[in-house]
Amino acid sequence: MGLFSKGIKLPKKADSTTFKLIETPPPKKVILPLKQYIGEPSQPTVKVGDNVKVGQIIATSVSDSSIPVHATISGSVTDITEHLDYMGVPVPSIIIESDGTDTWIEPEGEEKDIESLSPTEILKRINEAGLISKALVPIPLNIDLSPIDQPKTHLYLTGKRVVKKTDTLLINALDPEPSLGVNRYLAGIVNDELPIGIAALKAITGALNTLFVVDKGTPPFPHLNEMVAKDEEEATKIISLDGQRFPVALTVPLLKAALGRELPLPYGHPRDIGVALYDIETTLSIGASVHKQIPQVELPITVGGGLSLKVG
């Protein structure tokens, strides 16, 4: 575990101080699988020939293990058929051809302060936004979060039982690999949805402490330091790790490096050792879904190498 927690120092290929956000035009066609997670596929609510807008629900959840699917472009539904997903497995999919306008649906829900929402209402909004976990095998995010206060009992390889209430919310501003930069970029942007997302996660998990993990190679983040300074209970902290040392940003070494806690293997979850672990991108998405009921229809990605010089 010592070598694993220290990791391997990789050459620096991405400089977070030069990251730029490039808005790309909407694609001419999208193929939206109705199952992008472990669980049941969503049920289509549209038919071929229907016109849809960005953010419109085009497939609804049929059980607790499924989530709704939203249109990511405005245009016309041209087909509903099986298509290969990212794992090469045929799944029911909805195909939409763009009308080129990128027109959003009018929001139906009202904005609410996080303090006025119960944990159940927060989880409902997260599910309605179509959020999934960032695990290698993703599940609906509301399932990943609940029931967070009833951790499973796992065994360490030594046979030690693990049962612990969540005490720490760990917000990861590192990226899984040093050549990626989404979380580091988002950590440097002032976004009103970040404190809302944190408040939502703390309301669900019951965590009292918040810990930001940032890359020590990035400039200081004044807005994060301000959040620490405003916390009168001194329960919010920032620690810096070497983001160029792979695989420090992955779950097992991150928990060890940041908190000194070991995840029970092979099937342990961070909550089993008292931690709610989510990256800053997910936290922002939660904030938007809870506060404004905005579904997740776009994701930032890192583009590097020669291709990045040709974009825009």
C-alpha atoms as a PDB file:
ATOM      1  CA  MET A   1       0.000   0.000   0.000  1.00  0.00           C
ATOM      2  CA  GLY A   2       2.960   2.332   0.626  1.00  0.00           C
ATOM      3  CA  LEU A   3       4.115   2.302  -3.009  1.00  0.00           C
ATOM      4  CA  PHE A   4       0.521   2.472  -4.238  1.00  0.00           C
ATOM      5  CA  SER A   5      -0.289   5.510  -2.100  1.00  0.00           C
ATOM      6  CA  LYS A   6       2.856   7.339  -3.247  1.00  0.00           C
ATOM      7  CA  GLY A   7       2.262   6.590  -6.926  1.00  0.00           C
ATOM      8  CA  ILE A   8       4.388   7.249  -9.975  1.00  0.00           C
ATOM      9  CA  LYS A   9       5.547  10.713 -10.975  1.00  0.00           C
ATOM     10  CA  LEU A  10       4.449  11.354 -14.576  1.00  0.00           C
ATOM     11  CA  PRO A  11       5.699  14.107 -16.908  1.00  0.00           C
ATOM     12  CA  LYS A  12       3.607  17.258 -16.776  1.00  0.00           C
ATOM     13  CA  LYS A  13       1.545  17.510 -19.961  1.00  0.00           C
ATOM     14  CA  ALA A  14      -1.252  19.855 -18.924  1.00  0.00           C
ATOM     15  CA  ASP A  15      -0.896  23.278 -17.338  1.00  0.00           C
ATOM     16  CA  SER A  16      -4.079  24.304 -15.525  1.00  0.00           C
ATOM     17  CA  THR A  17      -3.067  27.966 -15.729  1.00  0.00           C
ATOM     18  CA  THR A  18      -3.516  27.875 -19.522  1.00  0.00           C
ATOM     19  CA  PHE A  19      -6.778  25.926 -19.688  1.00  0.00           C
ATOM     20  CA  LYS A  20      -9.451  27.645 -21.759  1.00  0.00           C
ATOM     21  CA  LEU A  21     -13.120  26.779 -22.011  1.00  0.00           C
ATOM     22  CA  ILE A  22     -14.161  26.355 -25.639  1.00  0.00           C
ATOM     23  CA  GLU A  23     -17.867  26.232 -26.427  1.00  0.00           C
ATOM     24  CA  THR A  24     -18.366  23.711 -29.222  1.00  0.00           C
ATOM     25  CA  PRO A  25     -21.391  23.859 -31.544  1.00  0.00           C
ATOM     26  CA  PRO A  26     -24.103  21.251 -30.950  1.00  0.00           C
ATOM     27  CA  PRO A  27     -23.683  18.050 -32.979  1.00  0.00           C
ATOM     28  CA  LYS A  28     -25.872  17.413 -35.984  1.00  0.00           C
ATOM     29  CA  LYS A  29     -27.042  14.110 -34.501  1.00  0.00           C
ATOM     30  CA  VAL A  30     -26.990  12.467 -31.077  1.00  0.00           C
ATOM     31  CA  ILE A  31     -27.570   8.871 -30.040  1.00  0.00           C
ATOM     32  CA  LEU A  32     -28.818   8.780 -26.450  1.00  0.00           C
ATOM     33  CA  PRO A  33     -28.722   5.333 -24.800  1.00  0.00           C
ATOM     34  CA  LEU A  34     -31.568   4.716 -22.383  1.00  0.00           C
ATOM     35  CA  LYS A  35     -29.239   2.806 -20.059  1.00  0.00           C
ATOM     36  CA  GLN A  36     -25.851   4.360 -19.211  1.00  0.00           C
ATOM     37  CA  TYR A  37     -25.483   2.791 -15.778  1.00  0.00           C
ATOM     38  CA  ILE A  38     -26.150  -0.373 -13.786  1.00  0.00           C
ATOM     39  CA  GLY A  39     -29.923  -0.622 -13.519  1.00  0.00           C
ATOM     40  CA  GLU A  40     -33.027  -0.724 -15.661  1.00  0.00           C
ATOM     41  CA  PRO A  41     -33.290   1.230 -18.940  1.00  0.00           C
ATOM     42  CA  SER A  42     -35.523   4.277 -19.063  1.00  0.00           C
ATOM     43  CA  GLN A  43     -38.861   4.194 -20.876  1.00  0.00           C
ATOM     44  CA  PRO A  44     -39.214   6.475 -23.946  1.00  0.00           C
ATOM     45  CA  THR A  45     -41.805   9.245 -23.643  1.00  0.00           C
ATOM     46  CA  VAL A  46     -41.398  10.442 -27.241  1.00  0.00           C
ATOM     47  CA  LYS A  47     -41.954   8.820 -30.610  1.00  0.00           C
ATOM     48  CA  VAL A  48     -40.342   9.074 -34.026  1.00  0.00           C
ATOM     49  CA  GLY A  49     -41.181  12.410 -35.613  1.00  0.00           C
ATOM     50  CA  ASP A  50     -41.560  14.324 -32.346  1.00  0.00           C
ATOM     51  CA  ASN A  51     -39.780  17.657 -32.004  1.00  0.00           C
ATOM     52  CA  VAL A  52     -37.841  18.097 -28.781  1.00  0.00           C
ATOM     53  CA  LYS A  53     -35.951  20.860 -26.993  1.00  0.00           C
ATOM     54  CA  VAL A  54     -32.755  20.809 -24.953  1.00  0.00           C
ATOM     55  CA  GLY A  55     -33.454  19.619 -21.412  1.00  0.00           C
ATOM     56  CA  GLN A  56     -36.767  17.980 -22.309  1.00  0.00           C
ATOM     57  CA  ILE A  57     -37.394  14.554 -20.776  1.00  0.00           C
ATOM     58  CA  ILE A  58     -37.440  12.017 -23.601  1.00  0.00           C
ATOM     59  CA  ALA A  59     -37.403   8.890 -21.428  1.00  0.00           C
ATOM     60  CA  THR A  60     -38.630   8.470 -17.881  1.00  0.00           C
ATOM     61  CA  SER A  61     -37.356   6.305 -15.037  1.00  0.00           C
ATOM     62  CA  VAL A  62     -39.325   3.133 -14.432  1.00  0.00           C
ATOM     63  CA  SER A  63     -37.888   2.211 -11.025  1.00  0.00           C
ATOM     64  CA  ASP A  64     -35.486   3.373  -8.343  1.00  0.00           C
ATOM     65  CA  SER A  65     -32.627   1.874 -10.360  1.00  0.00           C
ATOM     66  CA  SER A  66     -33.202   4.037 -13.439  1.00  0.00           C
ATOM     67  CA  ILE A  67     -33.062   7.740 -14.236  1.00  0.00           C
ATOM     68  CA  PRO A  68     -34.761   9.957 -16.825  1.00  0.00           C
ATOM     69  CA  VAL A  69     -33.007  10.878 -20.067  1.00  0.00           C
ATOM     70  CA  HIS A  70     -33.066  14.453 -21.388  1.00  0.00           C
ATOM     71  CA  ALA A  71     -32.592  15.725 -24.914  1.00  0.00           C
ATOM     72  CA  THR A  72     -29.113  17.209 -25.328  1.00  0.00           C
ATOM     73  CA  ILE A  73     -29.954  19.044 -28.569  1.00  0.00           C
ATOM     74  CA  SER A  74     -33.142  20.491 -30.021  1.00  0.00           C
ATOM     75  CA  GLY A  75     -34.487  18.831 -33.127  1.00  0.00           C
ATOM     76  CA  SER A  76     -36.488  15.850 -34.316  1.00  0.00           C
ATOM     77  CA  VAL A  77     -36.561  12.250 -33.089  1.00  0.00           C
ATOM     78  CA  THR A  78     -35.569  10.171 -36.098  1.00  0.00           C
ATOM     79  CA  ASP A  79     -35.401   6.690 -34.598  1.00  0.00           C
ATOM     80  CA  ILE A  80     -35.810   4.664 -31.413  1.00  0.00           C
ATOM     81  CA  THR A  81     -33.779   1.506 -31.756  1.00  0.00           C
ATOM     82  CA  GLU A  82     -31.015  -0.556 -30.226  1.00  0.00           C
ATOM     83  CA  HIS A  83     -27.520   0.876 -30.520  1.00  0.00           C
ATOM     84  CA  LEU A  84     -24.139  -0.054 -29.072  1.00  0.00           C
ATOM     85  CA  ASP A  85     -23.268   1.734 -25.848  1.00  0.00           C
ATOM     86  CA  TYR A  86     -19.747   2.693 -24.709  1.00  0.00           C
ATOM     87  CA  MET A  87     -19.103  -0.929 -23.713  1.00  0.00           C
ATOM     88  CA  GLY A  88     -20.241  -2.309 -27.059  1.00  0.00           C
ATOM     89  CA  VAL A  89     -23.498  -3.687 -25.660  1.00  0.00           C
ATOM     90  CA  PRO A  90     -26.739  -3.113 -27.615  1.00  0.00           C
ATOM     91  CA  VAL A  91     -29.138  -0.947 -25.581  1.00  0.00           C
ATOM     92  CA  PRO A  92     -32.367   0.877 -26.477  1.00  0.00           C
ATOM     93  CA  SER A  93     -31.480   4.353 -27.741  1.00  0.00           C
ATOM     94  CA  ILE A  94     -33.174   7.512 -28.980  1.00  0.00           C
ATOM     95  CA  ILE A  95     -31.672   9.234 -32.018  1.00  0.00           C
ATOM     96  CA  ILE A  96     -32.207  12.972 -32.501  1.00  0.00           C
ATOM     97  CA  GLU A  97     -31.203  15.111 -35.494  1.00  0.00           C
ATOM     98  CA  SER A  98     -30.492  18.745 -34.657  1.00  0.00           C
ATOM     99  CA  ASP A  99     -32.502  21.682 -35.963  1.00  0.00           C
ATOM    100  CA  GLY A 100     -29.483  23.919 -35.390  1.00  0.00           C
ATOM    101  CA  THR A 101     -31.222  26.245 -32.913  1.00  0.00           C
ATOM    102  CA  ASP A 102     -30.133  24.675 -29.582  1.00  0.00           C
ATOM    103  CA  THR A 103     -33.464  25.782 -28.077  1.00  0.00           C
ATOM    104  CA  TRP A 104     -33.981  25.006 -24.371  1.00  0.00           C
ATOM    105  CA  ILE A 105     -37.247  23.924 -22.805  1.00  0.00           C
ATOM    106  CA  GLU A 106     -38.851  26.399 -20.436  1.00  0.00           C
ATOM    107  CA  PRO A 107     -38.002  25.396 -16.844  1.00  0.00           C
ATOM    108  CA  GLU A 108     -40.985  24.019 -14.955  1.00  0.00           C
ATOM    109  CA  GLY A 109     -39.561  23.782 -11.448  1.00  0.00           C
ATOM    110  CA  GLU A 110     -39.031  26.713  -9.140  1.00  0.00           C
ATOM    111  CA  GLU A 111     -35.709  27.751  -7.656  1.00  0.00           C
ATOM    112  CA  LYS A 112     -35.469  26.884  -3.979  1.00  0.00           C
ATOM    113  CA  ASP A 113     -32.992  27.545  -1.224  1.00  0.00           C
ATOM    114  CA  ILE A 114     -31.211  24.392  -0.157  1.00  0.00           C
ATOM    115  CA  GLU A 115     -32.287  24.992   3.448  1.00  0.00           C
ATOM    116  CA  SER A 116     -35.939  24.567   2.475  1.00  0.00           C
ATOM    117  CA  LEU A 117     -35.435  21.090   0.992  1.00  0.00           C
ATOM    118  CA  SER A 118     -35.423  17.804   2.896  1.00  0.00           C
ATOM    119  CA  PRO A 119     -32.818  15.122   2.045  1.00  0.00           C
ATOM    120  CA  THR A 120     -35.575  13.165   0.272  1.00  0.00           C
ATOM    121  CA  GLU A 121     -36.456  16.165  -1.897  1.00  0.00           C
ATOM    122  CA  ILE A 122     -32.781  16.734  -2.700  1.00  0.00           C
ATOM    123  CA  LEU A 123     -32.349  13.122  -3.801  1.00  0.00           C
ATOM    124  CA  LYS A 124     -35.490  13.408  -5.930  1.00  0.00           C
ATOM    125  CA  ARG A 125     -34.094  16.445  -7.760  1.00  0.00           C
ATOM    126  CA  ILE A 126     -30.761  14.691  -8.302  1.00  0.00           C
ATOM    127  CA  ASN A 127     -32.584  11.728  -9.833  1.00  0.00           C
ATOM    128  CA  GLU A 128     -34.758  13.965 -12.028  1.00  0.00           C
ATOM    129  CA  ALA A 129     -31.621  15.666 -13.371  1.00  0.00           C
ATOM    130  CA  GLY A 130     -30.326  12.307 -14.636  1.00  0.00           C
ATOM    131  CA  LEU A 131     -27.064  12.362 -12.667  1.00  0.00           C
ATOM    132  CA  ILE A 132     -24.961   9.200 -12.400  1.00  0.00           C
ATOM    133  CA  SER A 133     -21.917   8.329 -10.315  1.00  0.00           C
ATOM    134  CA  LYS A 134     -18.361   8.589 -11.662  1.00  0.00           C
ATOM    135  CA  ALA A 135     -17.473   5.004 -10.792  1.00  0.00           C
ATOM    136  CA  LEU A 136     -16.013   2.594 -13.348  1.00  0.00           C
ATOM    137  CA  VAL A 137     -19.401   0.903 -13.193  1.00  0.00           C
ATOM    138  CA  PRO A 138     -21.761   3.894 -12.817  1.00  0.00           C
ATOM    139  CA  ILE A 139     -25.080   3.805 -11.011  1.00  0.00           C
ATOM    140  CA  PRO A 140     -27.755   6.503 -10.568  1.00  0.00           C
ATOM    141  CA  LEU A 141     -26.231   9.124  -8.285  1.00  0.00           C
ATOM    142  CA  ASN A 142     -29.221   9.139  -5.938  1.00  0.00           C
ATOM    143  CA  ILE A 143     -28.665   5.408  -5.382  1.00  0.00           C
ATOM    144  CA  ASP A 144     -24.974   6.008  -4.699  1.00  0.00           C
ATOM    145  CA  LEU A 145     -25.907   8.644  -2.129  1.00  0.00           C
ATOM    146  CA  SER A 146     -28.706   6.775  -0.378  1.00  0.00           C
ATOM    147  CA  PRO A 147     -28.912   5.369   2.198  1.00  0.00           C
ATOM    148  CA  ILE A 148     -25.650   7.032   3.123  1.00  0.00           C
ATOM    149  CA  ASP A 149     -26.372   6.870   6.864  1.00  0.00           C
ATOM    150  CA  GLN A 150     -26.609   3.076   6.830  1.00  0.00           C
ATOM    151  CA  PRO A 151     -23.211   1.907   5.578  1.00  0.00           C
ATOM    152  CA  LYS A 152     -22.778  -1.661   4.522  1.00  0.00           C
ATOM    153  CA  THR A 153     -20.632  -3.971   6.598  1.00  0.00           C
ATOM    154  CA  HIS A 154     -17.487  -5.010   4.760  1.00  0.00           C
ATOM    155  CA  LEU A 155     -14.397  -6.887   5.751  1.00  0.00           C
ATOM    156  CA  TYR A 156     -10.825  -5.730   5.373  1.00  0.00           C
ATOM    157  CA  LEU A 157      -8.539  -8.389   3.951  1.00  0.00           C
ATOM    158  CA  THR A 158      -7.512  -8.858   7.606  1.00  0.00           C
ATOM    159  CA  GLY A 159     -11.105  -9.667   8.551  1.00  0.00           C
ATOM    160  CA  LYS A 160     -11.757  -6.432  10.460  1.00  0.00           C
ATOM    161  CA  ARG A 161     -15.364  -5.245  10.202  1.00  0.00           C
ATOM    162  CA  VAL A 162     -16.070  -1.708   9.035  1.00  0.00           C
ATOM    163  CA  VAL A 163     -19.157   0.203  10.181  1.00  0.00           C
ATOM    164  CA  LYS A 164     -18.793   3.983  10.419  1.00  0.00           C
ATOM    165  CA  LYS A 165     -21.087   6.996  10.083  1.00  0.00           C
ATOM    166  CA  THR A 166     -20.101   9.635   7.532  1.00  0.00           C
ATOM    167  CA  ASP A 167     -18.124  12.473   9.106  1.00  0.00           C
ATOM    168  CA  THR A 168     -16.249  14.010   6.155  1.00  0.00           C
ATOM    169  CA  LEU A 169     -17.283  15.298   2.739  1.00  0.00           C
ATOM    170  CA  LEU A 170     -14.238  15.133   0.471  1.00  0.00           C
ATOM    171  CA  ILE A 171     -14.452  17.291  -2.662  1.00  0.00           C
ATOM    172  CA  ASN A 172     -11.861  16.103  -5.164  1.00  0.00           C
ATOM    173  CA  ALA A 173     -10.430  18.853  -7.381  1.00  0.00           C
ATOM    174  CA  LEU A 174      -7.843  16.510  -8.871  1.00  0.00           C
ATOM    175  CA  ASP A 175      -8.285  14.695 -12.172  1.00  0.00           C
ATOM    176  CA  PRO A 176      -8.011  10.900 -12.555  1.00  0.00           C
ATOM    177  CA  GLU A 177      -4.923  11.312 -14.746  1.00  0.00           C
ATOM    178  CA  PRO A 178      -2.371  14.157 -14.793  1.00  0.00           C
ATOM    179  CA  SER A 179      -3.017  14.868 -18.494  1.00  0.00           C
ATOM    180  CA  LEU A 180      -6.677  15.675 -17.776  1.00  0.00           C
ATOM    181  CA  GLY A 181      -7.809  19.019 -16.448  1.00  0.00           C
ATOM    182  CA  VAL A 182     -11.588  19.311 -15.982  1.00  0.00           C
ATOM    183  CA  ASN A 183     -11.669  19.284 -12.186  1.00  0.00           C
ATOM    184  CA  ARG A 184      -8.620  21.523 -11.858  1.00  0.00           C
ATOM    185  CA  TYR A 185     -10.175  23.984 -14.296  1.00  0.00           C
ATOM    186  CA  LEU A 186     -13.557  23.976 -12.540  1.00  0.00           C
ATOM    187  CA  ALA A 187     -11.879  24.442  -9.150  1.00  0.00           C
ATOM    188  CA  GLY A 188     -10.476  27.741 -10.387  1.00  0.00           C
ATOM    189  CA  ILE A 189     -13.837  29.172 -11.429  1.00  0.00           C
ATOM    190  CA  VAL A 190     -16.146  31.054  -9.081  1.00  0.00           C
ATOM    191  CA  ASN A 191     -19.485  29.253  -9.360  1.00  0.00           C
ATOM    192  CA  ASP A 192     -22.546  29.911  -7.201  1.00  0.00           C
ATOM    193  CA  GLU A 193     -23.596  26.270  -7.542  1.00  0.00           C
ATOM    194  CA  LEU A 194     -20.554  24.965  -5.632  1.00  0.00           C
ATOM    195  CA  PRO A 195     -21.657  25.934  -2.095  1.00  0.00           C
ATOM    196  CA  ILE A 196     -25.181  24.744  -2.936  1.00  0.00           C
ATOM    197  CA  GLY A 197     -23.868  21.383  -4.099  1.00  0.00           C
ATOM    198  CA  ILE A 198     -21.779  21.074  -0.942  1.00  0.00           C
ATOM    199  CA  ALA A 199     -24.761  21.963   1.252  1.00  0.00           C
ATOM    200  CA  ALA A 200     -26.884  19.355  -0.553  1.00  0.00           C
ATOM    201  CA  LEU A 201     -24.261  16.644  -0.091  1.00  0.00           C
ATOM    202  CA  LYS A 202     -23.857  17.489   3.593  1.00  0.00           C
ATOM    203  CA  ALA A 203     -27.628  17.445   4.090  1.00  0.00           C
ATOM    204  CA  ILE A 204     -27.837  13.951   2.592  1.00  0.00           C
ATOM    205  CA  THR A 205     -24.703  12.447   4.119  1.00  0.00           C
ATOM    206  CA  GLY A 206     -24.749  14.107   7.503  1.00  0.00           C
ATOM    207  CA  ALA A 207     -21.068  15.014   7.110  1.00  0.00           C
ATOM    208  CA  LEU A 208     -19.930  17.827   9.385  1.00  0.00           C
ATOM    209  CA  ASN A 209     -16.497  18.411   7.842  1.00  0.00           C
ATOM    210  CA  THR A 210     -15.656  19.466   4.292  1.00  0.00           C
ATOM    211  CA  LEU A 211     -12.230  18.819   2.789  1.00  0.00           C
ATOM    212  CA  PHE A 212     -11.123  20.166  -0.597  1.00  0.00           C
ATOM    213  CA  VAL A 213      -8.271  18.267  -2.219  1.00  0.00           C
ATOM    214  CA  VAL A 214      -6.461  20.434  -4.779  1.00  0.00           C
ATOM    215  CA  ASP A 215      -3.369  20.055  -6.924  1.00  0.00           C
ATOM    216  CA  LYS A 216      -0.348  21.638  -5.273  1.00  0.00           C
ATOM    217  CA  GLY A 217       0.904  22.601  -8.733  1.00  0.00           C
ATOM    218  CA  THR A 218      -2.044  24.960  -9.335  1.00  0.00           C
ATOM    219  CA  PRO A 219      -2.311  28.602  -8.219  1.00  0.00           C
ATOM    220  CA  PRO A 220      -4.244  29.334  -4.990  1.00  0.00           C
ATOM    221  CA  PHE A 221      -8.010  29.457  -5.367  1.00  0.00           C
ATOM    222  CA  PRO A 222      -9.221  32.636  -3.578  1.00  0.00           C
ATOM    223  CA  HIS A 223     -12.887  31.597  -3.597  1.00  0.00           C
ATOM    224  CA  LEU A 224     -12.088  28.271  -1.936  1.00  0.00           C
ATOM    225  CA  ASN A 225      -9.943  30.033   0.657  1.00  0.00           C
ATOM    226  CA  GLU A 226     -12.861  32.403   1.233  1.00  0.00           C
ATOM    227  CA  MET A 227     -15.183  29.468   1.908  1.00  0.00           C
ATOM    228  CA  VAL A 228     -12.691  28.205   4.493  1.00  0.00           C
ATOM    229  CA  ALA A 229     -12.437  31.653   6.109  1.00  0.00           C
ATOM    230  CA  LYS A 230     -16.233  32.062   6.317  1.00  0.00           C
ATOM    231  CA  ASP A 231     -16.703  28.748   8.135  1.00  0.00           C
ATOM    232  CA  GLU A 232     -17.001  29.872  11.753  1.00  0.00           C
ATOM    233  CA  GLU A 233     -16.955  26.265  12.942  1.00  0.00           C
ATOM    234  CA  GLU A 234     -13.596  25.713  11.186  1.00  0.00           C
ATOM    235  CA  ALA A 235     -14.964  22.530   9.618  1.00  0.00           C
ATOM    236  CA  THR A 236     -13.851  23.371   6.073  1.00  0.00           C
ATOM    237  CA  LYS A 237     -10.241  22.804   5.028  1.00  0.00           C
ATOM    238  CA  ILE A 238      -8.054  22.589   1.932  1.00  0.00           C
ATOM    239  CA  ILE A 239      -5.164  20.199   1.431  1.00  0.00           C
ATOM    240  CA  SER A 240      -2.800  20.002  -1.541  1.00  0.00           C
ATOM    241  CA  LEU A 241      -1.541  16.817  -3.151  1.00  0.00           C
ATOM    242  CA  ASP A 242       0.740  16.226  -6.116  1.00  0.00           C
ATOM    243  CA  GLY A 243      -1.686  15.818  -9.000  1.00  0.00           C
ATOM    244  CA  GLN A 244       1.147  14.693 -11.284  1.00  0.00           C
ATOM    245  CA  ARG A 245       1.690  11.589  -9.170  1.00  0.00           C
ATOM    246  CA  PHE A 246      -0.483   8.837 -10.614  1.00  0.00           C
ATOM    247  CA  PRO A 247      -2.806   7.353  -9.324  1.00  0.00           C
ATOM    248  CA  VAL A 248      -3.184   9.669  -6.310  1.00  0.00           C
ATOM    249  CA  ALA A 249      -6.549  11.017  -7.553  1.00  0.00           C
ATOM    250  CA  LEU A 250      -8.196   7.588  -7.681  1.00  0.00           C
ATOM    251  CA  THR A 251     -10.388   6.557  -4.781  1.00  0.00           C
ATOM    252  CA  VAL A 252      -8.181   4.175  -2.789  1.00  0.00           C
ATOM    253  CA  PRO A 253      -4.895   6.163  -2.840  1.00  0.00           C
ATOM    254  CA  LEU A 254      -6.770   9.480  -2.484  1.00  0.00           C
ATOM    255  CA  LEU A 255      -8.473   8.411   0.756  1.00  0.00           C
ATOM    256  CA  LYS A 256      -5.153   7.151   2.076  1.00  0.00           C
ATOM    257  CA  ALA A 257      -3.197  10.278   1.109  1.00  0.00           C
ATOM    258  CA  ALA A 258      -5.824  12.829   2.181  1.00  0.00           C
ATOM    259  CA  LEU A 259      -7.237  11.233   5.332  1.00  0.00           C
ATOM    260  CA  GLY A 260      -5.019   8.292   6.175  1.00  0.00           C
ATOM    261  CA  ARG A 261      -7.968   5.925   5.827  1.00  0.00           C
ATOM    262  CA  GLU A 262      -7.884   2.586   4.039  1.00  0.00           C
ATOM    263  CA  LEU A 263     -10.835   1.462   1.959  1.00  0.00           C
ATOM    264  CA  PRO A 264     -12.031  -2.080   2.697  1.00  0.00           C
ATOM    265  CA  LEU A 265     -11.319  -4.215  -0.342  1.00  0.00           C
ATOM    266  CA  PRO A 266     -12.494  -5.471  -2.707  1.00  0.00           C
ATOM    267  CA  TYR A 267     -16.022  -4.003  -2.608  1.00  0.00           C
ATOM    268  CA  GLY A 268     -15.780  -1.169  -0.100  1.00  0.00           C
ATOM    269  CA  HIS A 269     -17.384   2.229  -0.566  1.00  0.00           C
ATOM    270  CA  PRO A 270     -15.893   5.477   0.866  1.00  0.00           C
ATOM    271  CA  ARG A 271     -18.921   5.824   3.146  1.00  0.00           C
ATOM    272  CA  ASP A 272     -17.877   2.588   4.862  1.00  0.00           C
ATOM    273  CA  ILE A 273     -14.954   4.523   6.345  1.00  0.00           C
ATOM    274  CA  GLY A 274     -16.936   7.663   7.057  1.00  0.00           C
ATOM    275  CA  VAL A 275     -16.313   9.594   3.846  1.00  0.00           C
ATOM    276  CA  ALA A 276     -18.574  10.978   1.137  1.00  0.00           C
ATOM    277  CA  LEU A 277     -16.240  11.369  -1.861  1.00  0.00           C
ATOM    278  CA  TYR A 278     -17.299  13.327  -4.957  1.00  0.00           C
ATOM    279  CA  ASP A 279     -15.360  15.367  -7.477  1.00  0.00           C
ATOM    280  CA  ILE A 280     -15.941  19.045  -8.014  1.00  0.00           C
ATOM    281  CA  GLU A 281     -17.674  18.472 -11.378  1.00  0.00           C
ATOM    282  CA  THR A 282     -20.295  16.247  -9.741  1.00  0.00           C
ATOM    283  CA  THR A 283     -20.731  18.724  -6.880  1.00  0.00           C
ATOM    284  CA  LEU A 284     -21.450  21.541  -9.331  1.00  0.00           C
ATOM    285  CA  SER A 285     -23.970  19.366 -11.202  1.00  0.00           C
ATOM    286  CA  ILE A 286     -25.711  18.569  -7.920  1.00  0.00           C
ATOM    287  CA  GLY A 287     -25.874  22.272  -7.089  1.00  0.00           C
ATOM    288  CA  ALA A 288     -27.477  23.097 -10.437  1.00  0.00           C
ATOM    289  CA  SER A 289     -29.965  20.232 -10.213  1.00  0.00           C
ATOM    290  CA  VAL A 290     -31.019  20.999  -6.650  1.00  0.00           C
ATOM    291  CA  HIS A 291     -31.160  24.788  -6.903  1.00  0.00           C
ATOM    292  CA  LYS A 292     -32.519  25.378 -10.401  1.00  0.00           C
ATOM    293  CA  GLN A 293     -33.603  21.858 -11.435  1.00  0.00           C
ATOM    294  CA  ILE A 294     -31.281  21.996 -14.440  1.00  0.00           C
ATOM    295  CA  PRO A 295     -30.655  18.556 -15.994  1.00  0.00           C
ATOM    296  CA  GLN A 296     -27.189  17.452 -17.010  1.00  0.00           C
ATOM    297  CA  VAL A 297     -27.095  17.673 -20.814  1.00  0.00           C
ATOM    298  CA  GLU A 298     -23.459  18.630 -21.364  1.00  0.00           C
ATOM    299  CA  LEU A 299     -20.085  17.729 -19.903  1.00  0.00           C
ATOM    300  CA  PRO A 300     -16.678  19.401 -20.057  1.00  0.00           C
ATOM    301  CA  ILE A 301     -13.827  17.301 -21.454  1.00  0.00           C
ATOM    302  CA  THR A 302     -10.094  17.808 -21.797  1.00  0.00           C
ATOM    303  CA  VAL A 303      -8.749  18.193 -25.322  1.00  0.00           C
ATOM    304  CA  GLY A 304      -4.984  18.145 -25.730  1.00  0.00           C
ATOM    305  CA  GLY A 305      -2.210  17.609 -28.225  1.00  0.00           C
ATOM    306  CA  GLY A 306      -2.267  18.927 -31.781  1.00  0.00           C
ATOM    307  CA  LEU A 307      -6.050  18.740 -31.945  1.00  0.00           C
ATOM    308  CA  SER A 308      -6.422  21.439 -29.288  1.00  0.00           C
ATOM    309  CA  LEU A 309      -4.656  23.889 -31.604  1.00  0.00           C
ATOM    310  CA  LYS A 310      -7.246  23.371 -34.310  1.00  0.00           C
ATOM    311  CA  VAL A 311     -10.393  23.813 -32.188  1.00  0.00           C
ATOM    312  CA  GLY A 312     -12.135  27.170 -32.360  1.00  0.00           C
END
